[in-house]
Every structure is written in C-alpha cells, then in structure tokens.
C-alpha atoms as a PDB file:
ATOM      1  CA  MET A   1     -12.653 -13.459  18.495  1.00  0.00           C
ATOM      2  CA  SER A   2      -9.163 -14.863  19.402  1.00  0.00           C
ATOM      3  CA  VAL A   3      -7.021 -14.505  16.393  1.00  0.00           C
ATOM      4  CA  GLN A   4      -3.535 -16.395  15.921  1.00  0.00           C
ATOM      5  CA  THR A   5      -1.420 -14.150  13.775  1.00  0.00           C
ATOM      6  CA  ARG A   6       1.757 -16.107  12.235  1.00  0.00           C
ATOM      7  CA  TYR A   7       4.808 -14.098  11.924  1.00  0.00           C
ATOM      8  CA  ARG A   8       6.828 -16.193   8.981  1.00  0.00           C
ATOM      9  CA  THR A   9       9.461 -15.359   6.032  1.00  0.00           C
ATOM     10  CA  ALA A  10       9.666 -16.731   2.630  1.00  0.00           C
ATOM     11  CA  LYS A  11      12.795 -17.292   0.207  1.00  0.00           C
ATOM     12  CA  VAL A  12      12.176 -15.310  -3.172  1.00  0.00           C
ATOM     13  CA  ASP A  13      14.652 -14.601  -5.661  1.00  0.00           C
ATOM     14  CA  GLY A  14      17.235 -14.897  -2.669  1.00  0.00           C
ATOM     15  CA  LEU A  15      15.607 -12.615  -0.647  1.00  0.00           C
ATOM     16  CA  SER A  16      14.026 -12.968   2.970  1.00  0.00           C
ATOM     17  CA  ILE A  17      10.590 -11.875   2.700  1.00  0.00           C
ATOM     18  CA  PHE A  18       8.772 -11.258   6.316  1.00  0.00           C
ATOM     19  CA  TYR A  19       4.829 -11.617   6.370  1.00  0.00           C
ATOM     20  CA  ARG A  20       2.160 -11.711   8.770  1.00  0.00           C
ATOM     21  CA  GLU A  21      -0.609 -14.453   7.889  1.00  0.00           C
ATOM     22  CA  ALA A  22      -3.877 -15.085   9.766  1.00  0.00           C
ATOM     23  CA  GLY A  23      -6.828 -17.510   9.029  1.00  0.00           C
ATOM     24  CA  PRO A  24      -7.840 -20.461   7.690  1.00  0.00           C
ATOM     25  CA  PRO A  25      -5.485 -21.816   5.247  1.00  0.00           C
ATOM     26  CA  ASP A  26      -8.058 -23.206   2.896  1.00  0.00           C
ATOM     27  CA  ALA A  27      -9.928 -19.471   2.857  1.00  0.00           C
ATOM     28  CA  PRO A  28     -10.189 -16.877   0.379  1.00  0.00           C
ATOM     29  CA  VAL A  29      -6.820 -15.086   0.286  1.00  0.00           C
ATOM     30  CA  LEU A  30      -6.775 -11.407   1.044  1.00  0.00           C
ATOM     31  CA  LEU A  31      -3.352 -10.364  -0.229  1.00  0.00           C
ATOM     32  CA  LEU A  32      -2.504  -7.136   1.649  1.00  0.00           C
ATOM     33  CA  LEU A  33       0.314  -4.398   0.265  1.00  0.00           C
ATOM     34  CA  HIS A  34       1.230  -1.707   2.263  1.00  0.00           C
ATOM     35  CA  GLY A  35       2.525   1.421   1.729  1.00  0.00           C
ATOM     36  CA  PHE A  36       5.558   4.375   2.401  1.00  0.00           C
ATOM     37  CA  PRO A  37       6.972   4.151   4.773  1.00  0.00           C
ATOM     38  CA  SER A  38       4.820   1.513   6.672  1.00  0.00           C
ATOM     39  CA  SER A  39       5.264  -2.462   6.566  1.00  0.00           C
ATOM     40  CA  SER A  40       2.932  -5.152   7.033  1.00  0.00           C
ATOM     41  CA  ARG A  41       2.339  -3.950  10.422  1.00  0.00           C
ATOM     42  CA  MET A  42      -0.123  -1.358   9.265  1.00  0.00           C
ATOM     43  CA  PHE A  43      -2.684  -4.237   8.763  1.00  0.00           C
ATOM     44  CA  GLU A  44      -2.841  -5.770  12.134  1.00  0.00           C
ATOM     45  CA  PRO A  45      -6.242  -3.980  12.613  1.00  0.00           C
ATOM     46  CA  LEU A  46      -7.471  -6.325   9.510  1.00  0.00           C
ATOM     47  CA  LEU A  47      -6.122  -9.439  10.461  1.00  0.00           C
ATOM     48  CA  GLU A  48      -7.549  -8.897  13.897  1.00  0.00           C
ATOM     49  CA  ARG A  49     -10.916  -8.400  12.496  1.00  0.00           C
ATOM     50  CA  LEU A  50     -10.861 -10.487   9.291  1.00  0.00           C
ATOM     51  CA  ALA A  51      -9.413 -13.810  10.087  1.00  0.00           C
ATOM     52  CA  ASP A  52     -12.447 -15.937  11.097  1.00  0.00           C
ATOM     53  CA  ARG A  53     -13.423 -15.854   7.337  1.00  0.00           C
ATOM     54  CA  PHE A  54     -10.401 -15.257   5.221  1.00  0.00           C
ATOM     55  CA  ARG A  55      -6.841 -15.810   4.892  1.00  0.00           C
ATOM     56  CA  LEU A  56      -5.057 -12.817   5.090  1.00  0.00           C
ATOM     57  CA  VAL A  57      -1.175 -12.277   3.867  1.00  0.00           C
ATOM     58  CA  ALA A  58       0.300  -9.161   4.566  1.00  0.00           C
ATOM     59  CA  PRO A  59       4.185  -9.340   3.150  1.00  0.00           C
ATOM     60  CA  ASP A  60       7.002  -6.605   3.615  1.00  0.00           C
ATOM     61  CA  TYR A  61       8.506  -5.375   0.527  1.00  0.00           C
ATOM     62  CA  PRO A  62      12.161  -5.706   0.223  1.00  0.00           C
ATOM     63  CA  GLY A  63      13.802  -2.597   2.105  1.00  0.00           C
ATOM     64  CA  PHE A  64      10.815  -2.436   4.160  1.00  0.00           C
ATOM     65  CA  GLY A  65       9.733  -3.938   7.561  1.00  0.00           C
ATOM     66  CA  HIS A  66      11.267  -6.971   8.510  1.00  0.00           C
ATOM     67  CA  SER A  67      12.356  -8.026   4.779  1.00  0.00           C
ATOM     68  CA  ASP A  68      15.795  -8.128   3.635  1.00  0.00           C
ATOM     69  CA  ALA A  69      17.084  -4.793   2.617  1.00  0.00           C
ATOM     70  CA  PRO A  70      19.816  -5.312   0.191  1.00  0.00           C
ATOM     71  CA  ASP A  71      22.291  -2.683  -0.668  1.00  0.00           C
ATOM     72  CA  PRO A  72      20.618  -0.257  -3.806  1.00  0.00           C
ATOM     73  CA  GLY A  73      23.938  -1.353  -5.436  1.00  0.00           C
ATOM     74  CA  ARG A  74      22.849  -5.014  -6.095  1.00  0.00           C
ATOM     75  CA  PHE A  75      19.225  -5.006  -5.767  1.00  0.00           C
ATOM     76  CA  ALA A  76      17.230  -2.237  -8.043  1.00  0.00           C
ATOM     77  CA  TYR A  77      14.305  -0.199  -5.905  1.00  0.00           C
ATOM     78  CA  THR A  78      11.559   0.202  -8.803  1.00  0.00           C
ATOM     79  CA  PHE A  79       8.380  -0.644  -8.398  1.00  0.00           C
ATOM     80  CA  ASP A  80       8.812  -3.133 -11.380  1.00  0.00           C
ATOM     81  CA  ARG A  81      11.414  -4.760  -9.393  1.00  0.00           C
ATOM     82  CA  ILE A  82       9.268  -5.095  -6.308  1.00  0.00           C
ATOM     83  CA  ALA A  83       6.184  -6.129  -8.132  1.00  0.00           C
ATOM     84  CA  GLU A  84       8.035  -9.054  -9.432  1.00  0.00           C
ATOM     85  CA  VAL A  85       9.036 -10.321  -5.930  1.00  0.00           C
ATOM     86  CA  MET A  86       5.639  -9.651  -4.627  1.00  0.00           C
ATOM     87  CA  ALA A  87       4.025 -11.563  -7.564  1.00  0.00           C
ATOM     88  CA  ARG A  88       6.632 -14.711  -6.804  1.00  0.00           C
ATOM     89  CA  PHE A  89       6.193 -14.502  -2.984  1.00  0.00           C
ATOM     90  CA  ALA A  90       2.398 -14.956  -3.550  1.00  0.00           C
ATOM     91  CA  THR A  91       3.185 -18.240  -5.707  1.00  0.00           C
ATOM     92  CA  ALA A  92       5.873 -19.331  -3.264  1.00  0.00           C
ATOM     93  CA  ILE A  93       3.650 -19.819  -0.609  1.00  0.00           C
ATOM     94  CA  GLY A  94       0.957 -21.379  -2.496  1.00  0.00           C
ATOM     95  CA  VAL A  95      -1.508 -18.553  -3.128  1.00  0.00           C
ATOM     96  CA  GLU A  96      -2.901 -18.339  -6.860  1.00  0.00           C
ATOM     97  CA  ARG A  97      -6.207 -16.583  -6.399  1.00  0.00           C
ATOM     98  CA  HIS A  98      -6.522 -13.607  -3.980  1.00  0.00           C
ATOM     99  CA  LEU A  99      -8.262 -10.356  -3.646  1.00  0.00           C
ATOM    100  CA  LEU A 100      -5.691  -7.422  -3.583  1.00  0.00           C
ATOM    101  CA  TYR A 101      -6.122  -4.981  -1.190  1.00  0.00           C
ATOM    102  CA  VAL A 102      -3.444  -1.653  -1.833  1.00  0.00           C
ATOM    103  CA  GLN A 103      -2.677   1.187  -0.047  1.00  0.00           C
ATOM    104  CA  ASP A 104      -0.403   3.951  -1.228  1.00  0.00           C
ATOM    105  CA  TYR A 105       2.712   2.590  -3.019  1.00  0.00           C
ATOM    106  CA  GLY A 106       0.831  -1.074  -2.818  1.00  0.00           C
ATOM    107  CA  GLY A 107      -1.375   0.590  -5.478  1.00  0.00           C
ATOM    108  CA  PRO A 108       1.600   0.977  -8.147  1.00  0.00           C
ATOM    109  CA  VAL A 109       2.750  -2.659  -6.781  1.00  0.00           C
ATOM    110  CA  GLY A 110      -0.458  -4.053  -7.076  1.00  0.00           C
ATOM    111  CA  PHE A 111      -1.517  -2.531 -10.413  1.00  0.00           C
ATOM    112  CA  ARG A 112       1.716  -4.142 -12.090  1.00  0.00           C
ATOM    113  CA  MET A 113       0.681  -7.566 -10.416  1.00  0.00           C
ATOM    114  CA  ALA A 114      -2.851  -7.263 -12.245  1.00  0.00           C
ATOM    115  CA  LEU A 115      -1.745  -6.308 -15.567  1.00  0.00           C
ATOM    116  CA  ALA A 116       1.133  -8.892 -15.371  1.00  0.00           C
ATOM    117  CA  ASP A 117      -1.720 -11.487 -14.283  1.00  0.00           C
ATOM    118  CA  PRO A 118      -5.329 -10.677 -14.124  1.00  0.00           C
ATOM    119  CA  GLY A 119      -6.420 -14.115 -13.854  1.00  0.00           C
ATOM    120  CA  ARG A 120      -5.127 -14.195 -10.046  1.00  0.00           C
ATOM    121  CA  ILE A 121      -7.165 -11.285  -8.831  1.00  0.00           C
ATOM    122  CA  THR A 122     -10.746 -11.859  -7.696  1.00  0.00           C
ATOM    123  CA  GLY A 123     -11.469  -8.275  -6.791  1.00  0.00           C
ATOM    124  CA  LEU A 124      -9.284  -5.065  -5.665  1.00  0.00           C
ATOM    125  CA  VAL A 125      -9.447  -3.047  -2.789  1.00  0.00           C
ATOM    126  CA  VAL A 126      -8.037   0.364  -2.945  1.00  0.00           C
ATOM    127  CA  GLN A 127      -7.260   2.560   0.466  1.00  0.00           C
ATOM    128  CA  ASN A 128      -5.301   5.596  -0.450  1.00  0.00           C
ATOM    129  CA  ALA A 129      -3.702   4.927  -3.451  1.00  0.00           C
ATOM    130  CA  VAL A 130      -3.432   6.785  -6.611  1.00  0.00           C
ATOM    131  CA  ALA A 131      -4.235   5.650 -10.253  1.00  0.00           C
ATOM    132  CA  HIS A 132      -5.252   9.512 -11.586  1.00  0.00           C
ATOM    133  CA  GLU A 133      -3.393  12.697 -11.863  1.00  0.00           C
ATOM    134  CA  VAL A 134      -6.460  13.929  -9.958  1.00  0.00           C
ATOM    135  CA  GLY A 135      -5.541  12.522  -7.178  1.00  0.00           C
ATOM    136  CA  LEU A 136      -1.710  14.228  -6.580  1.00  0.00           C
ATOM    137  CA  SER A 137      -1.804  17.153  -4.081  1.00  0.00           C
ATOM    138  CA  PRO A 138      -0.246  20.049  -4.512  1.00  0.00           C
ATOM    139  CA  LEU A 139       2.224  18.673  -2.459  1.00  0.00           C
ATOM    140  CA  TRP A 140       3.460  16.777  -5.440  1.00  0.00           C
ATOM    141  CA  ASP A 141       4.634  19.924  -7.107  1.00  0.00           C
ATOM    142  CA  SER A 142       7.939  20.012  -5.548  1.00  0.00           C
ATOM    143  CA  ARG A 143       8.396  16.210  -5.471  1.00  0.00           C
ATOM    144  CA  ARG A 144       7.903  16.208  -9.598  1.00  0.00           C
ATOM    145  CA  GLU A 145      11.105  18.751  -9.366  1.00  0.00           C
ATOM    146  CA  TYR A 146      13.105  15.766  -7.621  1.00  0.00           C
ATOM    147  CA  TRP A 147      12.154  13.630 -10.638  1.00  0.00           C
ATOM    148  CA  ARG A 148      13.477  16.257 -13.046  1.00  0.00           C
ATOM    149  CA  ASP A 149      16.687  17.299 -11.031  1.00  0.00           C
ATOM    150  CA  ARG A 150      17.479  14.320  -8.440  1.00  0.00           C
ATOM    151  CA  ALA A 151      20.596  16.004  -7.308  1.00  0.00           C
ATOM    152  CA  GLY A 152      19.332  19.591  -6.600  1.00  0.00           C
ATOM    153  CA  HIS A 153      16.440  18.658  -4.841  1.00  0.00           C
ATOM    154  CA  GLU A 154      17.511  15.363  -2.608  1.00  0.00           C
ATOM    155  CA  ALA A 155      17.752  17.321   0.411  1.00  0.00           C
ATOM    156  CA  ALA A 156      14.538  18.343   0.484  1.00  0.00           C
ATOM    157  CA  VAL A 157      13.112  15.136  -0.151  1.00  0.00           C
ATOM    158  CA  ARG A 158      15.094  13.724   2.443  1.00  0.00           C
ATOM    159  CA  GLU A 159      13.299  16.242   5.051  1.00  0.00           C
ATOM    160  CA  ASN A 160      10.184  15.789   3.392  1.00  0.00           C
ATOM    161  CA  PHE A 161       9.641  12.120   3.443  1.00  0.00           C
ATOM    162  CA  LEU A 162      12.436  10.730   6.531  1.00  0.00           C
ATOM    163  CA  SER A 163      12.154  13.371   9.659  1.00  0.00           C
ATOM    164  CA  LEU A 164      10.217  12.445  12.273  1.00  0.00           C
ATOM    165  CA  ASP A 165       7.872  15.464  11.656  1.00  0.00           C
ATOM    166  CA  ALA A 166       6.796  14.115   8.355  1.00  0.00           C
ATOM    167  CA  ALA A 167       6.130  10.634   9.954  1.00  0.00           C
ATOM    168  CA  ARG A 168       3.485  11.995  12.077  1.00  0.00           C
ATOM    169  CA  THR A 169       1.974  14.398   9.557  1.00  0.00           C
ATOM    170  CA  ARG A 170       1.408  11.301   7.347  1.00  0.00           C
ATOM    171  CA  HIS A 171      -0.839   9.927   9.638  1.00  0.00           C
ATOM    172  CA  ILE A 172      -2.445  12.744  11.244  1.00  0.00           C
ATOM    173  CA  GLY A 173      -3.028  15.058   7.814  1.00  0.00           C
ATOM    174  CA  THR A 174      -5.599  17.274   8.375  1.00  0.00           C
ATOM    175  CA  ASP A 175      -7.653  15.546  10.748  1.00  0.00           C
ATOM    176  CA  PRO A 176      -9.236  18.033  13.492  1.00  0.00           C
ATOM    177  CA  ASP A 177      -9.178  15.512  16.202  1.00  0.00           C
ATOM    178  CA  PRO A 178      -5.450  14.629  16.638  1.00  0.00           C
ATOM    179  CA  GLU A 179      -5.826  12.953  19.608  1.00  0.00           C
ATOM    180  CA  ARG A 180      -7.417   9.875  18.215  1.00  0.00           C
ATOM    181  CA  TYR A 181      -4.142   8.728  17.036  1.00  0.00           C
ATOM    182  CA  ASP A 182      -1.396   6.682  18.978  1.00  0.00           C
ATOM    183  CA  PRO A 183       2.067   8.036  18.635  1.00  0.00           C
ATOM    184  CA  ASP A 184       3.694   4.908  18.417  1.00  0.00           C
ATOM    185  CA  LEU A 185       2.110   4.832  15.197  1.00  0.00           C
ATOM    186  CA  TRP A 186       4.797   7.126  13.688  1.00  0.00           C
ATOM    187  CA  THR A 187       7.637   6.512  16.101  1.00  0.00           C
ATOM    188  CA  ASP A 188       7.843   2.944  15.024  1.00  0.00           C
ATOM    189  CA  GLU A 189       7.567   3.979  11.729  1.00  0.00           C
ATOM    190  CA  HIS A 190      10.644   6.469  11.737  1.00  0.00           C
ATOM    191  CA  ALA A 191      12.798   3.948  13.878  1.00  0.00           C
ATOM    192  CA  PHE A 192      12.700   1.795  10.556  1.00  0.00           C
ATOM    193  CA  LEU A 193      13.344   4.798   8.474  1.00  0.00           C
ATOM    194  CA  SER A 194      16.054   5.716  10.478  1.00  0.00           C
ATOM    195  CA  ARG A 195      18.193   2.315  10.128  1.00  0.00           C
ATOM    196  CA  PRO A 196      21.252   2.395   8.016  1.00  0.00           C
ATOM    197  CA  GLY A 197      20.888   2.417   4.522  1.00  0.00           C
ATOM    198  CA  GLN A 198      17.241   3.262   4.891  1.00  0.00           C
ATOM    199  CA  ALA A 199      17.619   6.882   3.088  1.00  0.00           C
ATOM    200  CA  GLU A 200      19.422   5.583   0.157  1.00  0.00           C
ATOM    201  CA  ILE A 201      16.525   3.067  -0.423  1.00  0.00           C
ATOM    202  CA  GLN A 202      13.657   5.082   0.006  1.00  0.00           C
ATOM    203  CA  LEU A 203      15.212   7.826  -2.089  1.00  0.00           C
ATOM    204  CA  ASP A 204      16.041   5.602  -5.052  1.00  0.00           C
ATOM    205  CA  LEU A 205      12.104   4.141  -4.833  1.00  0.00           C
ATOM    206  CA  PHE A 206      10.677   7.630  -4.619  1.00  0.00           C
ATOM    207  CA  TYR A 207      12.947   8.723  -7.719  1.00  0.00           C
ATOM    208  CA  ASP A 208      10.982   5.650  -9.414  1.00  0.00           C
ATOM    209  CA  TYR A 209       7.453   7.004  -8.467  1.00  0.00           C
ATOM    210  CA  ARG A 210       7.652   9.140 -11.725  1.00  0.00           C
ATOM    211  CA  THR A 211       6.965   5.701 -13.830  1.00  0.00           C
ATOM    212  CA  ASN A 212       3.587   5.112 -11.692  1.00  0.00           C
ATOM    213  CA  VAL A 213       2.653   8.372 -12.924  1.00  0.00           C
ATOM    214  CA  ALA A 214       3.515   7.653 -16.359  1.00  0.00           C
ATOM    215  CA  SER A 215       1.425   4.530 -16.387  1.00  0.00           C
ATOM    216  CA  TYR A 216      -1.503   5.876 -14.870  1.00  0.00           C
ATOM    217  CA  ALA A 217      -3.350   6.088 -18.168  1.00  0.00           C
ATOM    218  CA  ARG A 218      -2.624   2.481 -19.049  1.00  0.00           C
ATOM    219  CA  TRP A 219      -3.817   1.258 -15.333  1.00  0.00           C
ATOM    220  CA  GLN A 220      -7.039   3.306 -15.917  1.00  0.00           C
ATOM    221  CA  GLU A 221      -7.609   1.442 -19.534  1.00  0.00           C
ATOM    222  CA  TRP A 222      -6.712  -1.900 -17.952  1.00  0.00           C
ATOM    223  CA  LEU A 223      -9.617  -0.736 -15.204  1.00  0.00           C
ATOM    224  CA  ARG A 224     -12.188   0.262 -17.839  1.00  0.00           C
ATOM    225  CA  ARG A 225     -11.562  -2.828 -19.774  1.00  0.00           C
ATOM    226  CA  ASN A 226     -11.503  -5.588 -17.158  1.00  0.00           C
ATOM    227  CA  ARG A 227     -14.113  -3.664 -14.827  1.00  0.00           C
ATOM    228  CA  PRO A 228     -12.660  -5.841 -11.839  1.00  0.00           C
ATOM    229  CA  ARG A 229     -14.672  -5.825  -8.693  1.00  0.00           C
ATOM    230  CA  LEU A 230     -13.695  -2.824  -6.864  1.00  0.00           C
ATOM    231  CA  LEU A 231     -13.965  -1.199  -3.415  1.00  0.00           C
ATOM    232  CA  VAL A 232     -12.321   1.949  -2.530  1.00  0.00           C
ATOM    233  CA  VAL A 233     -12.061   3.240   0.675  1.00  0.00           C
ATOM    234  CA  TRP A 234     -10.727   6.679   1.336  1.00  0.00           C
ATOM    235  CA  GLY A 235      -9.318   8.791   4.542  1.00  0.00           C
ATOM    236  CA  ARG A 236     -10.267  12.157   3.548  1.00  0.00           C
ATOM    237  CA  TYR A 237      -7.817  13.881   5.921  1.00  0.00           C
ATOM    238  CA  ASP A 238      -5.347  12.935   3.470  1.00  0.00           C
ATOM    239  CA  THR A 239      -2.733  15.785   2.457  1.00  0.00           C
ATOM    240  CA  SER A 240      -0.618  13.711  -0.470  1.00  0.00           C
ATOM    241  CA  PHE A 241      -3.746  12.182  -1.870  1.00  0.00           C
ATOM    242  CA  GLU A 242      -6.787  14.316  -2.878  1.00  0.00           C
ATOM    243  CA  VAL A 243     -10.332  12.906  -2.082  1.00  0.00           C
ATOM    244  CA  ALA A 244     -11.193  13.394  -5.615  1.00  0.00           C
ATOM    245  CA  GLU A 245      -9.302  10.316  -5.974  1.00  0.00           C
ATOM    246  CA  ALA A 246     -11.712   8.221  -4.517  1.00  0.00           C
ATOM    247  CA  GLU A 247     -14.646   9.310  -7.055  1.00  0.00           C
ATOM    248  CA  ALA A 248     -11.965   9.194  -9.949  1.00  0.00           C
ATOM    249  CA  TYR A 249     -12.205   5.043  -9.784  1.00  0.00           C
ATOM    250  CA  ARG A 250     -15.970   5.324 -10.712  1.00  0.00           C
ATOM    251  CA  SER A 251     -15.288   6.894 -13.814  1.00  0.00           C
ATOM    252  CA  ASP A 252     -13.122   3.814 -14.682  1.00  0.00           C
ATOM    253  CA  VAL A 253     -15.752   1.095 -13.051  1.00  0.00           C
ATOM    254  CA  PRO A 254     -18.620   2.813 -12.507  1.00  0.00           C
ATOM    255  CA  GLU A 255     -20.025  -0.374 -10.484  1.00  0.00           C
ATOM    256  CA  ALA A 256     -17.452   0.565  -7.699  1.00  0.00           C
ATOM    257  CA  GLU A 257     -18.124   0.671  -4.045  1.00  0.00           C
ATOM    258  CA  VAL A 258     -16.319   4.053  -2.997  1.00  0.00           C
ATOM    259  CA  TYR A 259     -16.685   5.107   0.889  1.00  0.00           C
ATOM    260  CA  VAL A 260     -14.937   8.274   2.129  1.00  0.00           C
ATOM    261  CA  LEU A 261     -14.345   7.935   5.518  1.00  0.00           C
ATOM    262  CA  ASP A 262     -12.988  10.311   8.598  1.00  0.00           C
ATOM    263  CA  GLY A 263      -9.927   9.184   8.673  1.00  0.00           C
ATOM    264  CA  GLY A 264      -6.224  10.257   7.485  1.00  0.00           C
ATOM    265  CA  HIS A 265      -3.761   8.560   4.868  1.00  0.00           C
ATOM    266  CA  PHE A 266      -3.698   5.220   7.198  1.00  0.00           C
ATOM    267  CA  VAL A 267      -7.440   5.391   7.503  1.00  0.00           C
ATOM    268  CA  LEU A 268      -7.121   1.800   9.455  1.00  0.00           C
ATOM    269  CA  ASP A 269      -5.414   3.930  12.250  1.00  0.00           C
ATOM    270  CA  THR A 270      -8.860   5.411  13.304  1.00  0.00           C
ATOM    271  CA  ARG A 271     -11.654   3.864  11.296  1.00  0.00           C
ATOM    272  CA  ALA A 272     -10.592   0.001  11.509  1.00  0.00           C
ATOM    273  CA  ASP A 273     -14.003  -1.340  12.501  1.00  0.00           C
ATOM    274  CA  GLU A 274     -15.676   0.512   9.446  1.00  0.00           C
ATOM    275  CA  VAL A 275     -12.969  -0.668   6.689  1.00  0.00           C
ATOM    276  CA  ALA A 276     -12.991  -4.382   8.044  1.00  0.00           C
ATOM    277  CA  SER A 277     -16.954  -4.307   7.825  1.00  0.00           C
ATOM    278  CA  LEU A 278     -16.670  -2.774   4.170  1.00  0.00           C
ATOM    279  CA  VAL A 279     -14.113  -5.502   3.261  1.00  0.00           C
ATOM    280  CA  ARG A 280     -15.771  -8.253   4.747  1.00  0.00           C
ATOM    281  CA  GLY A 281     -19.089  -7.621   2.774  1.00  0.00           C
ATOM    282  CA  PHE A 282     -16.965  -6.964  -0.112  1.00  0.00           C
ATOM    283  CA  ALA A 283     -14.540 -10.035   0.040  1.00  0.00           C
ATOM    284  CA  SER A 284     -17.429 -12.337   0.974  1.00  0.00           C
ATOM    285  CA  ALA A 285     -19.235 -11.882  -2.361  1.00  0.00           C
ATOM    286  CA  ALA A 286     -15.591 -12.114  -4.370  1.00  0.00           C
ATOM    287  CA  ARG A 287     -16.425 -14.752  -7.403  1.00  0.00           C
END
C-alpha cells in the first residue's frame, strides 16, 4: 500500500505543535499519543499499515520531537499541562471524536483527556502504559526516591534517563534476540535528548510523574464506571513496566481485549504487523 504521510504543524496556546498525519480526512480518527523519550516518529509503522482505512494523527508533545520546547521557566512541564495542549491540539485540527492510542507517557496524558471529556473517546488502545501499581517494576523504587528528594537524586535520574545506554535498554529490555532492533531507534532518540535544555525539560516532567501514580485509583474508577472499549497490547520484555499490568486492565474492564507480544517497551519496534492487525480489527468495530 502506498501511503502519503503529511508532516504538519498547528498553533496551540502560542506553541507550534508538530504532527504526522496519514489517511483519508473523513475516515475514523486514531489519535496516537507517544511515550518517553520518543515522539510521533514511533508511530510510523502504524501510519504505514493503517492509513488505508483510518485517519491517523500523531502529535509531538511540547518539549518533544519537532514541537516547540519552551524554557521550563515559562512553560510548566506537567502532565496536566501537556494533556490540556493535546486536547486543544485535537480541536485545532478539527478532530472531535477519536479512538485514543496511548503508550508510556501517552497513558497519563490520554487518561487526563478521557476523564476531562469522555464523549470524545470511541475506544482506547493501551500499549505499555500503566494505570495500576502492579505495573511498576522494581526500577521504580529508586525513581520514587527522586520524587521524595529531587535534589539528592537528580544525578542518578539523569544517568538513568538521558544516557545512550539507557536509551538502548529502553528499547531492547530483556528481549533474548537483540539483533531484531535497529540501532537507529535509540540513536535518534538520544540525539533529541541531547539538545540544549532537554535535560531540564525531561527532569521536570518526570518529577511530575508522581502525580500519575497518585491518580491511578481515579483512572481505575473511571475505567470501571465507563467500561470503554479497550484493547491492551503489551511487550513482555519491558524492564520498566511489568507484564502483570496488561491483565490488571481486565480487572477494571472485563471485556478488554488483552494481548502480550514478544516485544519490548516499544513493541512496534519488532511486532508492528501484529499490533496493526489487532488495532485494525478493534478500530473497525468502534462505535
């Protein structure tokens, strides 16, 4: 299939928000929300495989990818703020109702959007994004120390989050077959992280991650009350997020479709065909 992806920008709250878009303009919309420290680029495999049937829209958050990255002194890098910008972005480009696809940081951004305006959501696809304590691996013990004492633990978090080796580990995780992974995946990612000002942006936003953990009970209650159509696709070799989290979603939405695949934190790296097939079937049945 020949796919024409468009690379566009939209003005939102005075910021230039970059996004990738593919598919017929009048088709059902999939709004794709990326994780850390990625960008809309992580969704290229889906744009290539699903644009015959759907309109796919993948924005970069402020401070990520090709979107504006204002100084933290004049823009609050919090998940509340990013969710506000993403909701206004969707409105700015004429997207009213959409299926929401979230990965990693996309989870807390997307849950905030869904709780604020559930009528816009036709379904939810979760790819390695956490909404339960059971999903946080032992790696999060040291990360919680950062939330308790930012100054005392910032150096360790910088190394854990911003180094090239950390970028590689995020992709491969515990996969026994690392030769499946293109090194460009983490090399490009690290290049973005190495830009001036990025360390401060990412440290601010990760410090705010503590508000996501505090919100888990509220998100779970929303899932149980609203019972949205829910598809969970999970890479089992993720070192940050436990595979038990995939089934935890079914405790809130018993009808959820849950699939655990032989992939890492970014399961599209190696299982794009399988994920695209699952999403195609799920999205085609969206109300």
